[in-house]
């Protein structure tokens, strides 16, 4: 467990890139950081950065090899705090130089001056059915079975999953979002800011005890955020636009 983590001014905060060969935009973003065309002071990855990256399933590392290599080289020079999501988990051995935050340690507390910030991917504290699901997909025996099944099928299972996930609409509006979030977090946490991904809404909500920020998904339009203020948490939205090749 990591203690006394500090959010730095100039940090880049990225959520829900859902990187795959069908959605490769994250690769250009990582190359820009690797070449120092973009120079964050710190990287905060909010989960679901990859569409399928499961520690213990080698095929998911093979198909993401270039992005993984770039991130590992970047994390030698820039602090990388990586909150695991529901599409990318069991990552400790894949990113040995990063601070990996599993779902069991979320929300993650960070300091920012005198402010307390909580970060979470967004799939913690769900109903019982979802908790059982998240436990099962991280279970080493289940992952071993999936690895064997995928090998026998010549990677057909994960290839079909990849195609299915690429067709999901990651940019739709969540109707009734404020009411949903209020039930999840309002009055339950002591902090100044609560920052999540997962829901892809790009909205800030004011509650009695803190400000809640739900980040927009990088997958929608290459949106990421920069921590800009030294007094309050101000996330400046940025976009990377890539020319068609």
Foldseek 3Di string as FASTA:
>chain_A
DDPAAADDFQEWEAEQQQDFPLRPVVLVVLVCCLVPVRPGQAYEYAENNHQAAAPLQVVSCVRCVSVLVSVLVSLVPHAYEHEYDLRHDPCCVSNVSYNYHYLVCAQDWYDQPPFIETGHQPQPPDDPVVVVVSVQVNDNVNSVVVNVVCVVVVNPVVVVVSVVSVPDDLADADPPVVVVVCVVDAPPDAGAEYEYEDNQHQDWDDGPRYIYGYHHHCNVFNWMWGQHDSPDGDTDIDGDDDDDD
